[in-house]
Amino acid sequence: RGSIRGLMPKFDDRKFVRVHRNALVRKSAIRAILRRPVGGLMVELQSGARIAAGRVYAKQLRAEVQAAS
């Protein structure tokens, strides 16, 4: 039991990106970044699952996904 901040050093930042205060996602699993109707972003994964992306992480998320493409 611990925080994501505590776990992040164990994950390769070239392969994973933090999308929310409680979510860390493998970059290759991201299918799309979508705008939510009420504002903010949503990350759609290859599996079809959707995860809300925090606005604090939005800029880094977009940069990371564009760099990976």
Foldseek 3Di string as FASTA:
>chain_A
DDFVVVVVVVDDPLQWAAFDRHDIDGLVQFDDWAADPVGAIWTQGPVRDIDGGDPVRVVVNVVSNVVVD
